[in-house]
Protein backbone atom coordinates (compact mmCIF):
# COMPACT_ATOMS: atom_id res chain seq x y z
CA MET A 1 95.42 -69.58 64.95
CA ASN A 2 92.27 -67.71 64.11
CA VAL A 3 91.67 -64.79 61.72
CA GLU A 4 88.84 -62.06 61.98
CA LYS A 5 88.49 -59.66 58.95
CA LYS A 6 85.20 -58.05 59.75
CA ARG A 7 85.96 -54.40 60.95
CA GLU A 8 82.81 -54.33 63.16
CA ARG A 9 83.91 -57.48 65.05
CA ILE A 10 87.56 -56.05 65.40
CA ARG A 11 86.16 -52.87 66.76
CA GLU A 12 83.90 -54.88 69.11
CA PHE A 13 86.92 -56.76 70.35
CA PHE A 14 89.06 -53.64 71.02
CA ASP A 15 86.08 -51.97 72.82
CA LEU A 16 85.51 -54.83 75.18
CA VAL A 17 89.20 -55.36 76.03
CA GLU A 18 89.63 -51.60 76.16
CA CYS A 19 92.63 -51.79 73.86
CA GLU A 20 94.14 -48.33 73.02
CA HIS A 21 97.20 -49.74 71.48
CA TYR A 22 95.68 -49.80 67.80
CA ASP A 23 94.07 -47.17 65.89
CA LEU A 24 91.86 -48.91 63.27
CA ARG A 25 91.75 -45.76 61.15
CA LYS A 26 95.40 -46.41 60.32
CA PHE A 27 94.58 -49.72 58.72
CA SER A 28 93.00 -49.87 55.33
CA ARG A 29 92.08 -53.67 55.74
CA PRO A 30 92.75 -54.72 59.22
CA VAL A 31 92.92 -58.47 60.22
CA LEU A 32 92.81 -59.53 63.86
CA VAL A 33 94.99 -62.59 64.14
CA TYR A 34 94.42 -64.36 67.56
CA LYS A 35 94.83 -67.61 69.49
CA VAL A 36 92.79 -68.71 72.61
CA GLU A 37 94.78 -70.81 74.99
CA ASP A 38 94.29 -71.48 78.78
CA ASP A 39 91.68 -68.75 79.08
CA GLN A 40 93.92 -66.19 77.59
CA VAL A 41 93.66 -64.58 74.19
CA PHE A 42 96.88 -63.67 72.32
CA TYR A 43 96.47 -61.20 69.48
CA SER A 44 97.93 -58.97 66.88
CA LEU A 45 96.53 -56.71 64.27
CA TRP A 46 97.80 -56.97 60.68
CA GLU A 47 97.13 -55.53 57.28
CA GLU A 48 95.34 -58.03 55.09
CA ASP A 49 97.92 -57.67 52.20
CA LEU A 50 100.79 -58.65 54.58
CA LEU A 51 99.10 -61.71 55.65
CA GLN A 52 98.27 -62.75 52.16
CA ARG A 53 101.78 -62.12 51.03
CA PHE A 54 103.56 -64.00 53.98
CA GLY A 55 100.77 -66.30 55.34
CA VAL A 56 99.05 -66.51 58.67
CA GLU A 57 101.14 -69.58 59.58
CA ASN A 58 104.21 -67.31 59.66
CA VAL A 59 102.84 -65.21 62.46
CA ASP A 60 105.22 -66.21 65.17
CA GLY A 61 104.50 -63.80 67.97
CA TRP A 62 101.66 -61.78 69.67
CA ASP A 63 101.55 -58.14 70.49
CA TYR A 64 99.18 -58.49 73.38
CA THR A 65 97.39 -60.87 75.78
CA GLU A 66 94.03 -60.42 77.30
CA ASP A 67 91.78 -62.55 79.58
CA VAL A 68 89.21 -64.39 77.55
CA LEU A 69 86.46 -63.22 80.04
CA PHE A 70 86.74 -59.59 78.72
CA CYS A 71 86.52 -60.66 75.09
CA PRO A 72 83.40 -61.13 72.88
CA ASP A 73 81.93 -64.57 72.84
CA TRP A 74 82.79 -65.09 69.13
CA ILE A 75 86.50 -65.34 70.25
CA ARG A 76 85.63 -68.61 71.96
CA GLY A 77 83.74 -69.72 68.97
CA ASP A 78 80.39 -68.98 70.58
CA ASP A 79 78.97 -67.35 67.44
CA ASP A 80 75.23 -67.73 68.33
CA ASP A 81 73.81 -64.29 67.52
CA ASP A 82 70.32 -65.54 68.43
CA GLU A 83 71.28 -66.26 72.06
CA ASP A 84 68.67 -63.88 73.46
CA ASP A 85 65.88 -65.91 71.70
CA ASP A 86 66.79 -68.85 73.97
CA MET A 87 65.92 -67.04 77.21
CA GLN A 88 62.14 -66.85 76.43
């Protein structure tokens, strides 16, 4: 199970998967909790204080599923921001 707290990355994720289920403006400190398995991303959005209170390990379900092809590279762990530099 993975956690992403950066609002910019969460917004990027939702933009790429074209998710209209969540409105980030309603979350004061959003946390994207996700798991990648068999080319699928299972995810939910939580408030940070709830996760701190109950623990990420107690997340027992997912709100939505998306194909990993439509997700940002960092979802798969490809966090190389200098990828364009390699193409010279």
